[in-house]
Protein backbone atom coordinates (compact mmCIF):
# COMPACT_ATOMS: atom_id res chain seq x y z
CA MET A 1 79.60 101.05 98.57
CA ASN A 2 79.12 104.47 99.95
CA ALA A 3 82.19 106.28 101.92
CA LYS A 4 82.75 109.69 103.37
CA THR A 5 85.20 112.87 104.20
CA LYS A 6 84.58 114.70 107.80
CA TRP A 7 86.78 118.04 107.38
CA HIS A 8 88.78 118.89 110.56
CA GLY A 9 90.14 122.16 109.75
CA GLY A 10 92.50 123.66 107.05
CA LEU A 11 93.49 120.33 104.89
CA SER A 12 92.60 117.26 107.72
CA PHE A 13 89.88 114.78 107.01
CA THR A 14 89.18 111.37 108.11
CA GLY A 15 87.42 109.11 105.33
CA THR A 16 85.36 106.60 106.78
CA ALA A 17 83.11 103.66 104.56
CA GLU A 18 80.85 101.59 105.12
CA THR A 19 82.69 99.10 107.39
CA GLY A 20 83.21 102.03 110.03
CA PHE A 21 86.99 101.83 110.02
CA SER A 22 88.73 105.33 109.29
CA VAL A 23 91.95 106.80 108.23
CA ALA A 24 93.67 110.05 107.91
CA LEU A 25 93.89 112.28 105.38
CA GLY A 26 95.82 115.12 104.97
CA ALA A 27 98.28 117.57 102.63
CA ASP A 28 102.03 118.29 102.86
CA PRO A 29 102.56 122.00 104.62
CA SER A 30 103.90 123.26 101.23
CA VAL A 31 99.77 123.39 99.96
CA GLY A 32 98.54 124.45 103.28
CA GLY A 33 98.06 121.04 105.08
CA LYS A 34 100.01 119.66 108.64
CA ASN A 35 101.58 116.56 106.81
CA ASP A 36 98.70 114.83 109.12
CA GLY A 37 97.21 111.71 107.22
CA PHE A 38 97.39 110.00 103.72
CA ARG A 39 97.41 111.99 100.42
CA PRO A 40 94.43 110.42 98.31
CA MET A 41 96.86 109.61 95.77
CA GLU A 42 98.85 107.24 97.78
CA LEU A 43 96.15 105.76 98.76
CA MET A 44 94.77 104.96 95.02
CA ALA A 45 98.28 103.52 94.88
CA ILE A 46 97.69 101.33 98.39
CA SER A 47 94.42 100.45 97.14
CA LEU A 48 96.17 99.18 94.26
CA ALA A 49 98.29 97.48 95.72
CA GLY A 50 96.14 95.54 98.53
CA CYS A 51 93.32 94.54 95.98
CA THR A 52 95.67 92.55 94.07
CA ALA A 53 97.39 90.84 96.53
CA MET A 54 94.41 89.68 97.96
CA ASP A 55 93.48 88.52 95.19
CA VAL A 56 97.04 86.57 94.49
CA ILE A 57 97.97 85.57 97.80
CA SER A 58 94.33 83.77 98.01
CA ILE A 59 95.11 82.15 94.70
CA MET A 60 98.27 81.09 95.80
CA LYS A 61 97.04 79.25 99.17
CA LYS A 62 94.22 77.72 96.60
CA LYS A 63 97.64 76.25 94.11
CA ARG A 64 99.17 74.74 97.99
CA GLN A 65 101.92 77.14 97.27
CA ASP A 66 104.08 77.21 100.42
CA VAL A 67 104.32 81.28 100.57
CA THR A 68 106.40 81.96 103.84
CA ASP A 69 106.48 86.12 102.66
CA PHE A 70 104.64 87.82 100.33
CA GLU A 71 104.55 91.79 99.16
CA VAL A 72 103.15 93.95 96.94
CA LYS A 73 105.22 97.24 95.72
CA VAL A 74 103.00 99.61 93.60
CA HIS A 75 105.51 102.71 91.56
CA THR A 76 103.42 105.09 90.71
CA GLU A 77 104.16 108.11 87.41
CA GLN A 78 102.17 111.50 87.81
CA ALA A 79 101.31 113.93 84.86
CA GLU A 80 103.11 116.83 86.05
CA ARG A 81 99.73 119.43 85.56
CA HIS A 82 97.32 119.42 87.25
CA PRO A 83 95.50 117.26 88.66
CA LYS A 84 98.41 115.43 88.33
CA VAL A 85 97.02 111.86 87.46
CA PHE A 86 98.46 108.60 87.40
CA THR A 87 100.13 108.26 83.83
CA LYS A 88 101.80 104.65 84.83
CA ALA A 89 102.18 102.15 86.92
CA VAL A 90 104.47 99.31 88.00
CA ILE A 91 102.82 96.61 90.44
CA GLU A 92 105.81 94.17 91.41
CA TYR A 93 105.11 91.02 92.92
CA LEU A 94 107.61 90.36 95.86
CA PHE A 95 107.43 85.99 96.59
CA THR A 96 109.32 83.68 99.28
CA GLY A 97 108.75 80.44 99.98
CA HIS A 98 109.58 77.09 99.70
CA ASP A 99 109.68 75.45 95.94
CA LEU A 100 107.15 78.30 94.75
CA ASP A 101 105.90 77.13 90.85
CA GLU A 102 106.35 79.95 88.70
CA ALA A 103 103.47 79.18 86.92
CA ALA A 104 101.43 78.91 89.68
CA ALA A 105 102.62 82.54 90.60
CA VAL A 106 101.99 83.73 86.82
CA ARG A 107 98.59 82.46 86.79
CA ALA A 108 97.31 84.17 89.78
CA ILE A 109 98.85 87.63 88.42
CA GLU A 110 96.83 86.91 85.91
CA LEU A 111 93.36 86.16 87.18
CA SER A 112 94.22 88.87 89.05
CA ALA A 113 95.07 91.62 86.49
CA THR A 114 92.31 90.40 83.94
CA ARG A 115 89.94 89.26 86.54
CA TYR A 116 89.14 89.41 90.00
CA CYS A 117 90.85 92.95 91.01
CA PRO A 118 88.56 96.38 90.49
CA ALA A 119 91.13 98.43 91.13
CA GLN A 120 93.32 97.28 89.13
CA GLY A 121 90.35 96.75 85.82
CA MET A 122 89.59 100.58 86.57
CA LEU A 123 92.84 102.11 86.56
CA SER A 124 94.16 100.12 83.79
CA LYS A 125 91.74 101.38 81.85
CA VAL A 126 93.06 105.13 82.17
CA MET A 127 96.77 104.30 82.57
CA LYS A 128 99.67 101.58 81.61
CA ILE A 129 100.41 99.19 84.38
CA ASP A 130 103.69 96.82 83.82
CA LEU A 131 103.33 93.48 85.94
CA THR A 132 107.00 92.55 87.76
CA TYR A 133 107.42 89.39 89.82
CA ARG A 134 110.40 87.66 91.77
CA ILE A 135 110.22 84.50 93.07
CA TYR A 136 112.76 83.83 96.14
CA GLU A 137 113.32 80.60 98.24
CA ASP A 138 113.18 80.58 101.39
CA LEU A 139 116.79 79.90 103.24
CA GLY A 140 115.19 80.60 106.96
CA ASP A 141 116.20 83.09 109.27
CA GLY A 142 115.34 86.03 107.05
CA LYS A 143 117.45 84.91 104.48
CA ARG A 144 115.82 84.17 100.80
CA LYS A 145 117.40 83.30 97.80
CA LEU A 146 116.07 84.84 94.15
CA VAL A 147 114.88 81.64 92.19
CA THR A 148 113.31 83.85 88.84
CA SER A 149 112.15 86.91 87.98
CA GLY A 150 109.63 87.98 84.97
CA THR A 151 106.79 90.14 83.29
CA TYR A 152 103.50 89.62 83.02
CA VAL A 153 101.97 91.23 79.90
CA VAL A 154 98.27 91.65 79.91
CA PRO A 155 96.48 90.78 76.96
CA GLN A 156 94.93 93.51 75.20
CA PRO A 157 91.27 93.54 73.23
């Protein structure tokens, strides 16, 4: 995989990759930026969320689960000192659907964490990642009811 950034002055860049898509990169005005794009560390958190989300929803669909809404949130903690790396993350999986099977959701999370998601596989080598989930029953008209919640603990080698 190849990626690059193109500088536009100050701390403004455009990032592109082999797919041809681009993303604006910027910085906070307090460090000389114009607040005109994603911060690189934000993109790392989004990459983690997107990678595992794609795995989990694909697995849930293969398991014929009736998922009507799905969201993955990543909450990170960063070191106080430079280079201000991530020190911990919590990935929160929010499933909404009809009669969703908790075992299917947990298995999907497990497979993403232990086999399929390269972002999670890479980042878990340098920081603790906690995995939590909530499963809601879709009541229609944008309403939902919490059915269950839990934590998946990734086995340590």
